[in-house]
């Protein structure tokens, strides 16, 4: 079966930086709904379109095609009192960007005296990335998966 719109594609992948350092690597295949639903980088989806099980590819992508440029304005200094007592570097919190209704996941990067510094950038923002993958499965999406615009797991409805 070929990868087309409204197929569920399973693949193993490795994500590395421009120097070849592996940033992420699958232990088991991931699956996404093919066809512009935002489940995978658009350049990867384009490269996989009309391919079949066993196809491998490697795509080099600039920040604008992955997690965007690093944005200094997404670094915030917040009062320590706004966080739980057990706050620690590396913890994640949801919050709003200044003047926006969008929810951003902030990572605690530093705790200094009575302040907590958080960063709303994705950890790979501003990086050129290489995405290498091998297709391990292709199947038609169910009507419910198409309606919900994402893949459902073995127990019907994993989000």
N, C-alpha and C. Protein backbone atom coordinates (compact mmCIF):
# COMPACT_ATOMS: atom_id res chain seq x y z
N UNK A 1 0.84 -1.18 0.00
CA UNK A 1 0.00 0.00 0.00
C UNK A 1 0.89 1.24 0.00
N UNK A 2 0.52 2.21 -0.79
CA UNK A 2 1.25 3.48 -0.88
C UNK A 2 0.76 4.47 0.18
N UNK A 3 1.66 5.34 0.59
CA UNK A 3 1.31 6.41 1.54
C UNK A 3 0.57 7.48 0.75
N UNK A 4 -0.67 7.71 1.14
CA UNK A 4 -1.51 8.73 0.52
C UNK A 4 -2.28 9.44 1.62
N UNK A 5 -3.03 10.48 1.24
CA UNK A 5 -3.86 11.20 2.20
C UNK A 5 -4.78 10.19 2.89
N UNK A 6 -4.92 10.36 4.20
CA UNK A 6 -5.78 9.53 5.03
C UNK A 6 -5.31 8.09 5.16
N UNK A 7 -3.98 7.92 5.17
CA UNK A 7 -3.40 6.65 5.56
C UNK A 7 -2.66 6.87 6.88
N UNK A 8 -2.57 5.81 7.67
CA UNK A 8 -1.80 5.86 8.90
C UNK A 8 -0.43 5.28 8.57
N UNK A 9 0.59 6.08 8.83
CA UNK A 9 1.96 5.70 8.52
C UNK A 9 2.70 5.43 9.82
N UNK A 10 3.36 4.29 9.89
CA UNK A 10 4.21 3.97 11.04
C UNK A 10 5.65 3.99 10.57
N UNK A 11 6.52 4.52 11.42
CA UNK A 11 7.93 4.60 11.04
C UNK A 11 8.83 4.65 12.25
N UNK A 12 10.05 4.22 12.03
CA UNK A 12 11.13 4.41 12.99
C UNK A 12 11.90 5.64 12.51
N UNK A 13 12.34 6.46 13.45
CA UNK A 13 13.09 7.65 13.03
C UNK A 13 14.22 7.95 13.98
N UNK A 14 15.12 8.78 13.48
CA UNK A 14 16.22 9.32 14.27
C UNK A 14 16.32 10.80 13.92
N UNK A 15 16.36 11.63 14.94
CA UNK A 15 16.48 13.07 14.77
C UNK A 15 17.84 13.48 15.30
N UNK A 16 18.62 14.15 14.46
CA UNK A 16 19.96 14.57 14.88
C UNK A 16 20.19 16.03 14.51
N UNK A 17 21.18 16.63 15.18
CA UNK A 17 21.51 18.02 14.86
C UNK A 17 22.45 18.04 13.66
N UNK A 18 22.86 19.23 13.24
CA UNK A 18 23.69 19.38 12.04
C UNK A 18 25.08 18.78 12.19
N UNK A 19 25.49 18.48 13.42
CA UNK A 19 26.80 17.85 13.65
C UNK A 19 26.69 16.33 13.80
N UNK A 20 25.46 15.80 13.65
CA UNK A 20 25.27 14.36 13.71
C UNK A 20 24.97 13.81 15.10
N UNK A 21 24.83 14.68 16.10
CA UNK A 21 24.49 14.23 17.45
C UNK A 21 23.02 13.81 17.49
N UNK A 22 22.74 12.59 17.91
CA UNK A 22 21.36 12.09 17.96
C UNK A 22 20.62 12.76 19.11
N UNK A 23 19.48 13.38 18.77
CA UNK A 23 18.66 14.08 19.75
C UNK A 23 17.47 13.23 20.20
N UNK A 24 16.91 12.46 19.28
CA UNK A 24 15.81 11.55 19.55
C UNK A 24 15.94 10.34 18.64
N UNK A 25 15.50 9.21 19.15
CA UNK A 25 15.51 8.00 18.35
C UNK A 25 14.40 7.09 18.87
N UNK A 26 13.61 6.55 17.96
CA UNK A 26 12.51 5.69 18.38
C UNK A 26 13.02 4.34 18.84
N UNK A 27 12.36 3.81 19.85
CA UNK A 27 12.59 2.43 20.29
C UNK A 27 11.56 1.52 19.64
N UNK A 28 10.37 2.06 19.44
CA UNK A 28 9.30 1.37 18.73
C UNK A 28 8.73 2.37 17.72
N UNK A 29 8.13 1.89 16.64
CA UNK A 29 7.61 2.82 15.63
C UNK A 29 6.57 3.79 16.18
N UNK A 30 6.56 4.99 15.62
CA UNK A 30 5.51 5.97 15.88
C UNK A 30 4.56 5.92 14.69
N UNK A 31 3.35 6.44 14.87
CA UNK A 31 2.37 6.50 13.78
C UNK A 31 1.79 7.89 13.69
N UNK A 32 1.47 8.32 12.47
CA UNK A 32 0.81 9.60 12.27
C UNK A 32 -0.19 9.46 11.13
N UNK A 33 -1.15 10.37 11.09
CA UNK A 33 -2.15 10.41 10.03
C UNK A 33 -1.62 11.29 8.91
N UNK A 34 -1.42 10.69 7.75
CA UNK A 34 -0.82 11.37 6.60
C UNK A 34 -1.87 12.21 5.87
N UNK A 35 -1.49 13.41 5.48
CA UNK A 35 -2.40 14.23 4.68
C UNK A 35 -2.57 15.65 5.16
N UNK A 36 -1.57 16.20 5.82
CA UNK A 36 -1.64 17.60 6.21
C UNK A 36 -2.31 17.86 7.55
N UNK A 37 -2.30 16.87 8.44
CA UNK A 37 -2.96 17.02 9.73
C UNK A 37 -2.02 17.50 10.83
N UNK A 38 -0.76 17.76 10.50
CA UNK A 38 0.18 18.31 11.47
C UNK A 38 0.80 17.29 12.41
N UNK A 39 0.75 16.02 12.07
CA UNK A 39 1.29 14.99 12.93
C UNK A 39 2.77 14.75 12.76
N UNK A 40 3.36 15.36 11.73
CA UNK A 40 4.79 15.19 11.44
C UNK A 40 5.24 16.43 10.67
N UNK A 41 6.53 16.67 10.61
CA UNK A 41 7.04 17.82 9.87
C UNK A 41 6.54 17.77 8.43
N UNK A 42 6.03 18.88 7.88
CA UNK A 42 5.53 18.89 6.51
C UNK A 42 6.56 18.41 5.47
N UNK A 43 7.84 18.74 5.62
CA UNK A 43 8.84 18.29 4.65
C UNK A 43 9.01 16.78 4.68
N UNK A 44 8.87 16.17 5.86
CA UNK A 44 8.95 14.72 5.97
C UNK A 44 7.73 14.10 5.31
N UNK A 45 6.57 14.65 5.59
CA UNK A 45 5.34 14.13 4.99
C UNK A 45 5.42 14.20 3.46
N UNK A 46 5.94 15.29 2.95
CA UNK A 46 6.11 15.44 1.50
C UNK A 46 7.05 14.38 0.94
N UNK A 47 8.15 14.12 1.64
CA UNK A 47 9.12 13.12 1.17
C UNK A 47 8.56 11.70 1.21
N UNK A 48 7.62 11.44 2.12
CA UNK A 48 7.07 10.10 2.27
C UNK A 48 5.85 9.85 1.37
N UNK A 49 5.26 10.90 0.82
CA UNK A 49 4.05 10.75 0.01
C UNK A 49 4.30 9.80 -1.16
N UNK A 50 3.41 8.84 -1.31
CA UNK A 50 3.42 7.81 -2.36
C UNK A 50 4.51 6.75 -2.18
N UNK A 51 5.18 6.74 -1.02
CA UNK A 51 6.17 5.70 -0.74
C UNK A 51 5.46 4.50 -0.12
N UNK A 52 6.22 3.40 0.09
CA UNK A 52 5.65 2.17 0.63
C UNK A 52 6.48 1.68 1.81
N UNK A 53 6.00 0.60 2.46
CA UNK A 53 6.73 -0.01 3.57
C UNK A 53 8.15 -0.34 3.11
N UNK A 54 9.11 -0.04 3.97
CA UNK A 54 10.51 -0.30 3.68
C UNK A 54 11.25 0.91 3.14
N UNK A 55 10.52 1.94 2.69
CA UNK A 55 11.16 3.15 2.17
C UNK A 55 11.90 3.87 3.29
N UNK A 56 13.13 4.28 3.02
CA UNK A 56 13.92 5.06 3.96
C UNK A 56 14.27 6.39 3.33
N UNK A 57 14.36 7.41 4.15
CA UNK A 57 14.78 8.72 3.63
C UNK A 57 15.43 9.51 4.75
N UNK A 58 16.16 10.55 4.35
CA UNK A 58 16.80 11.45 5.29
C UNK A 58 16.57 12.86 4.77
N UNK A 59 16.02 13.72 5.63
CA UNK A 59 15.68 15.08 5.24
C UNK A 59 16.40 16.05 6.17
N UNK A 60 17.11 17.01 5.58
CA UNK A 60 17.75 18.08 6.36
C UNK A 60 16.79 19.27 6.36
N UNK A 61 16.56 19.82 7.56
CA UNK A 61 15.58 20.90 7.69
C UNK A 61 16.15 22.05 8.50
N UNK A 62 15.83 23.25 8.05
CA UNK A 62 16.21 24.46 8.76
C UNK A 62 15.16 24.74 9.85
N UNK A 63 15.48 25.61 10.82
CA UNK A 63 14.54 25.87 11.92
C UNK A 63 13.13 26.26 11.48
N UNK A 64 13.00 27.01 10.41
CA UNK A 64 11.66 27.43 9.98
C UNK A 64 10.78 26.25 9.55
N UNK A 65 11.40 25.09 9.29
CA UNK A 65 10.65 23.90 8.89
C UNK A 65 10.48 22.92 10.05
N UNK A 66 10.95 23.28 11.25
CA UNK A 66 10.84 22.38 12.39
C UNK A 66 10.20 23.11 13.58
N UNK A 67 11.03 23.60 14.49
CA UNK A 67 10.52 24.21 15.72
C UNK A 67 10.70 25.72 15.76
N UNK A 68 11.06 26.32 14.64
CA UNK A 68 11.20 27.77 14.55
C UNK A 68 12.52 28.28 15.09
N UNK A 69 12.72 29.56 14.89
CA UNK A 69 13.92 30.23 15.40
C UNK A 69 13.79 30.40 16.92
N UNK A 70 14.91 30.49 17.60
CA UNK A 70 14.90 30.72 19.03
C UNK A 70 14.42 32.14 19.28
N UNK A 71 13.46 32.31 20.18
CA UNK A 71 12.83 33.60 20.46
C UNK A 71 13.16 34.04 21.89
N UNK A 72 14.03 35.02 22.02
CA UNK A 72 14.44 35.54 23.34
C UNK A 72 13.25 36.05 24.14
N UNK A 73 12.18 36.48 23.46
CA UNK A 73 11.01 37.01 24.15
C UNK A 73 10.22 35.94 24.89
N UNK A 74 10.53 34.66 24.64
CA UNK A 74 9.85 33.57 25.33
C UNK A 74 10.55 33.17 26.63
N UNK A 75 11.58 33.93 26.99
CA UNK A 75 12.24 33.73 28.29
C UNK A 75 11.60 34.71 29.27
N UNK A 76 11.15 34.16 30.39
CA UNK A 76 10.48 34.99 31.38
C UNK A 76 11.11 34.79 32.75
N UNK A 77 11.15 35.87 33.51
CA UNK A 77 11.61 35.83 34.89
C UNK A 77 10.37 36.03 35.75
N UNK A 78 10.07 35.02 36.55
CA UNK A 78 8.83 35.01 37.35
C UNK A 78 9.17 34.96 38.84
N UNK A 79 8.26 35.45 39.67
CA UNK A 79 8.50 35.36 41.12
C UNK A 79 8.43 33.90 41.59
N UNK A 80 9.31 33.54 42.46
CA UNK A 80 9.37 32.19 43.03
C UNK A 80 8.05 31.79 43.66
N UNK A 81 7.34 32.75 44.19
CA UNK A 81 6.06 32.50 44.86
C UNK A 81 4.97 32.02 43.90
N UNK A 82 5.17 32.16 42.60
CA UNK A 82 4.19 31.71 41.60
C UNK A 82 4.29 30.21 41.33
N UNK A 83 5.27 29.54 41.92
CA UNK A 83 5.54 28.13 41.65
C UNK A 83 5.37 27.29 42.90
N UNK A 84 5.16 25.99 42.73
CA UNK A 84 5.07 25.11 43.90
C UNK A 84 6.41 25.05 44.63
N UNK A 85 6.36 24.65 45.88
CA UNK A 85 7.57 24.59 46.71
C UNK A 85 8.65 23.68 46.13
N UNK A 86 8.24 22.63 45.42
CA UNK A 86 9.21 21.66 44.89
C UNK A 86 9.70 22.01 43.49
N UNK A 87 9.53 23.25 43.05
CA UNK A 87 9.97 23.63 41.70
C UNK A 87 11.46 23.32 41.53
N UNK A 88 11.80 22.78 40.35
CA UNK A 88 13.19 22.41 40.08
C UNK A 88 13.50 22.66 38.61
N UNK A 89 14.76 22.87 38.32
CA UNK A 89 15.20 23.05 36.93
C UNK A 89 14.78 21.81 36.13
N UNK A 90 14.23 22.06 34.95
CA UNK A 90 13.78 20.97 34.08
C UNK A 90 12.28 20.72 34.13
N UNK A 91 11.60 21.23 35.17
CA UNK A 91 10.15 21.05 35.26
C UNK A 91 9.47 21.86 34.16
N UNK A 92 8.26 21.41 33.78
CA UNK A 92 7.49 22.08 32.73
C UNK A 92 6.20 22.63 33.32
N UNK A 93 5.82 23.83 32.85
CA UNK A 93 4.58 24.47 33.26
C UNK A 93 3.93 25.10 32.04
N UNK A 94 2.60 25.08 32.03
CA UNK A 94 1.87 25.75 30.95
C UNK A 94 1.60 27.18 31.36
N UNK A 95 1.64 28.05 30.38
CA UNK A 95 1.34 29.45 30.65
C UNK A 95 1.04 30.17 29.36
N UNK A 96 0.60 31.39 29.47
CA UNK A 96 0.28 32.20 28.30
C UNK A 96 1.41 33.15 27.96
N UNK A 97 1.59 33.37 26.68
CA UNK A 97 2.57 34.37 26.24
C UNK A 97 1.98 35.75 26.51
N UNK A 98 2.84 36.71 26.72
CA UNK A 98 2.38 38.07 26.95
C UNK A 98 1.46 38.51 25.81
N UNK A 99 0.24 38.94 26.16
CA UNK A 99 -0.69 39.48 25.17
C UNK A 99 -1.28 38.45 24.21
N UNK A 100 -1.29 37.18 24.58
CA UNK A 100 -1.80 36.14 23.69
C UNK A 100 -2.63 35.14 24.48
N UNK A 101 -3.58 34.52 23.78
CA UNK A 101 -4.39 33.47 24.40
C UNK A 101 -3.77 32.09 24.19
N UNK A 102 -2.66 32.02 23.44
CA UNK A 102 -2.00 30.74 23.17
C UNK A 102 -1.35 30.20 24.43
N UNK A 103 -1.45 28.88 24.60
CA UNK A 103 -0.80 28.22 25.74
C UNK A 103 0.58 27.75 25.29
N UNK A 104 1.58 28.04 26.11
CA UNK A 104 2.96 27.66 25.83
C UNK A 104 3.45 26.79 26.97
N UNK A 105 4.24 25.78 26.64
CA UNK A 105 4.88 24.98 27.68
C UNK A 105 6.24 25.61 27.98
N UNK A 106 6.39 26.03 29.22
CA UNK A 106 7.63 26.65 29.66
C UNK A 106 8.45 25.63 30.45
N UNK A 107 9.77 25.67 30.26
CA UNK A 107 10.69 24.82 30.99
C UNK A 107 11.47 25.68 31.98
N UNK A 108 11.55 25.24 33.22
CA UNK A 108 12.34 25.96 34.22
C UNK A 108 13.81 25.75 33.88
N UNK A 109 14.52 26.86 33.64
CA UNK A 109 15.94 26.76 33.27
C UNK A 109 16.88 27.19 34.39
N UNK A 110 16.34 27.98 35.33
CA UNK A 110 17.21 28.47 36.41
C UNK A 110 16.34 28.95 37.57
N UNK A 111 16.83 28.75 38.77
CA UNK A 111 16.17 29.27 39.98
C UNK A 111 17.23 30.07 40.72
N UNK A 112 16.95 31.37 40.89
CA UNK A 112 17.90 32.27 41.55
C UNK A 112 17.16 33.04 42.62
N UNK A 113 17.53 32.79 43.86
CA UNK A 113 16.92 33.47 45.01
C UNK A 113 15.39 33.38 44.93
N UNK A 114 14.73 34.52 44.77
CA UNK A 114 13.27 34.56 44.75
C UNK A 114 12.69 34.61 43.34
N UNK A 115 13.48 34.23 42.34
CA UNK A 115 12.98 34.25 40.97
C UNK A 115 13.19 32.90 40.29
N UNK A 116 12.32 32.63 39.34
CA UNK A 116 12.41 31.42 38.52
C UNK A 116 12.46 31.87 37.07
N UNK A 117 13.44 31.39 36.34
CA UNK A 117 13.57 31.73 34.92
C UNK A 117 13.02 30.56 34.12
N UNK A 118 12.08 30.85 33.23
CA UNK A 118 11.46 29.83 32.39
C UNK A 118 11.65 30.19 30.92
N UNK A 119 11.69 29.16 30.08
CA UNK A 119 11.91 29.35 28.65
C UNK A 119 10.79 28.64 27.89
N UNK A 120 10.08 29.39 27.05
CA UNK A 120 8.97 28.84 26.27
C UNK A 120 9.37 28.33 24.91
N UNK A 121 10.65 28.36 24.59
CA UNK A 121 11.12 27.81 23.31
C UNK A 121 11.17 26.29 23.39
N UNK A 122 10.92 25.65 22.26
CA UNK A 122 11.13 24.20 22.19
C UNK A 122 12.62 23.97 22.37
N UNK A 123 13.02 22.86 23.02
CA UNK A 123 14.46 22.62 23.22
C UNK A 123 15.28 22.60 21.93
N UNK A 124 14.65 22.30 20.78
CA UNK A 124 15.38 22.25 19.52
C UNK A 124 15.15 23.49 18.66
N UNK A 125 14.53 24.53 19.21
CA UNK A 125 14.30 25.77 18.46
C UNK A 125 15.63 26.36 18.02
N UNK A 126 15.67 26.88 16.81
CA UNK A 126 16.87 27.51 16.27
C UNK A 126 17.89 26.55 15.71
N UNK A 127 17.59 25.26 15.72
CA UNK A 127 18.56 24.26 15.26
C UNK A 127 18.18 23.71 13.88
N UNK A 128 19.20 23.54 13.03
CA UNK A 128 19.02 22.77 11.80
C UNK A 128 19.01 21.30 12.21
N UNK A 129 18.05 20.54 11.69
CA UNK A 129 17.88 19.15 12.11
C UNK A 129 17.88 18.21 10.92
N UNK A 130 18.31 16.98 11.16
CA UNK A 130 18.25 15.92 10.16
C UNK A 130 17.29 14.86 10.68
N UNK A 131 16.32 14.50 9.85
CA UNK A 131 15.30 13.50 10.21
C UNK A 131 15.49 12.33 9.27
N UNK A 132 15.88 11.18 9.81
CA UNK A 132 16.05 9.96 9.02
C UNK A 132 15.00 8.97 9.49
N UNK A 133 14.35 8.30 8.53
CA UNK A 133 13.29 7.38 8.92
C UNK A 133 13.16 6.22 7.95
N UNK A 134 12.50 5.16 8.43
CA UNK A 134 12.15 4.01 7.61
C UNK A 134 10.69 3.69 7.88
N UNK A 135 9.91 3.56 6.83
CA UNK A 135 8.48 3.25 6.95
C UNK A 135 8.33 1.79 7.32
N UNK A 136 7.60 1.53 8.41
CA UNK A 136 7.39 0.16 8.88
C UNK A 136 5.96 -0.32 8.66
N UNK A 137 5.04 0.60 8.38
CA UNK A 137 3.65 0.20 8.16
C UNK A 137 2.84 1.29 7.50
N UNK A 138 1.85 0.88 6.71
CA UNK A 138 0.91 1.80 6.08
C UNK A 138 -0.45 1.10 6.08
N UNK A 139 -1.47 1.81 6.55
CA UNK A 139 -2.82 1.25 6.52
C UNK A 139 -3.83 2.36 6.29
N UNK A 140 -5.02 2.01 5.81
CA UNK A 140 -6.05 3.05 5.67
C UNK A 140 -6.44 3.56 7.05
N UNK A 141 -6.67 4.84 7.16
CA UNK A 141 -7.16 5.41 8.42
C UNK A 141 -8.64 5.08 8.57
N UNK A 142 -9.08 4.96 9.81
CA UNK A 142 -10.51 4.73 10.06
C UNK A 142 -11.26 6.04 9.88
N UNK A 143 -12.56 5.97 9.64
CA UNK A 143 -13.34 7.22 9.54
C UNK A 143 -13.22 8.09 10.80
N UNK A 144 -13.15 7.43 11.97
CA UNK A 144 -13.02 8.19 13.21
C UNK A 144 -11.66 8.89 13.29
N UNK A 145 -10.58 8.23 12.87
CA UNK A 145 -9.26 8.86 12.86
C UNK A 145 -9.25 10.08 11.94
N UNK A 146 -9.88 9.94 10.79
CA UNK A 146 -9.95 11.07 9.84
C UNK A 146 -10.76 12.20 10.44
N UNK A 147 -11.88 11.87 11.06
CA UNK A 147 -12.73 12.88 11.68
C UNK A 147 -12.00 13.61 12.81
N UNK A 148 -11.25 12.87 13.60
CA UNK A 148 -10.52 13.47 14.73
C UNK A 148 -9.15 14.01 14.33
N UNK A 149 -8.72 13.71 13.12
CA UNK A 149 -7.47 14.21 12.53
C UNK A 149 -6.22 13.73 13.27
N UNK A 150 -6.28 12.52 13.83
CA UNK A 150 -5.11 11.91 14.45
C UNK A 150 -5.33 10.40 14.55
N UNK A 151 -4.24 9.69 14.77
CA UNK A 151 -4.27 8.24 14.88
C UNK A 151 -4.82 7.84 16.25
N UNK A 152 -5.61 6.78 16.26
CA UNK A 152 -6.09 6.20 17.52
C UNK A 152 -5.27 4.96 17.80
N UNK A 153 -5.02 4.70 19.06
CA UNK A 153 -4.20 3.58 19.47
C UNK A 153 -4.96 2.26 19.44
N UNK A 154 -4.30 1.24 19.92
CA UNK A 154 -4.86 -0.11 19.93
C UNK A 154 -6.14 -0.19 20.76
N UNK A 155 -6.28 0.70 21.74
CA UNK A 155 -7.47 0.69 22.59
C UNK A 155 -8.42 1.80 22.18
N UNK A 156 -8.47 2.07 20.88
CA UNK A 156 -9.40 2.97 20.22
C UNK A 156 -9.03 4.44 20.27
N UNK A 157 -8.83 5.04 21.43
CA UNK A 157 -8.79 6.49 21.43
C UNK A 157 -7.64 7.03 22.28
N UNK A 158 -6.42 6.87 21.81
CA UNK A 158 -5.27 7.44 22.51
C UNK A 158 -5.02 8.84 21.99
N UNK A 159 -4.91 9.80 22.89
CA UNK A 159 -4.58 11.19 22.49
C UNK A 159 -3.22 11.51 23.02
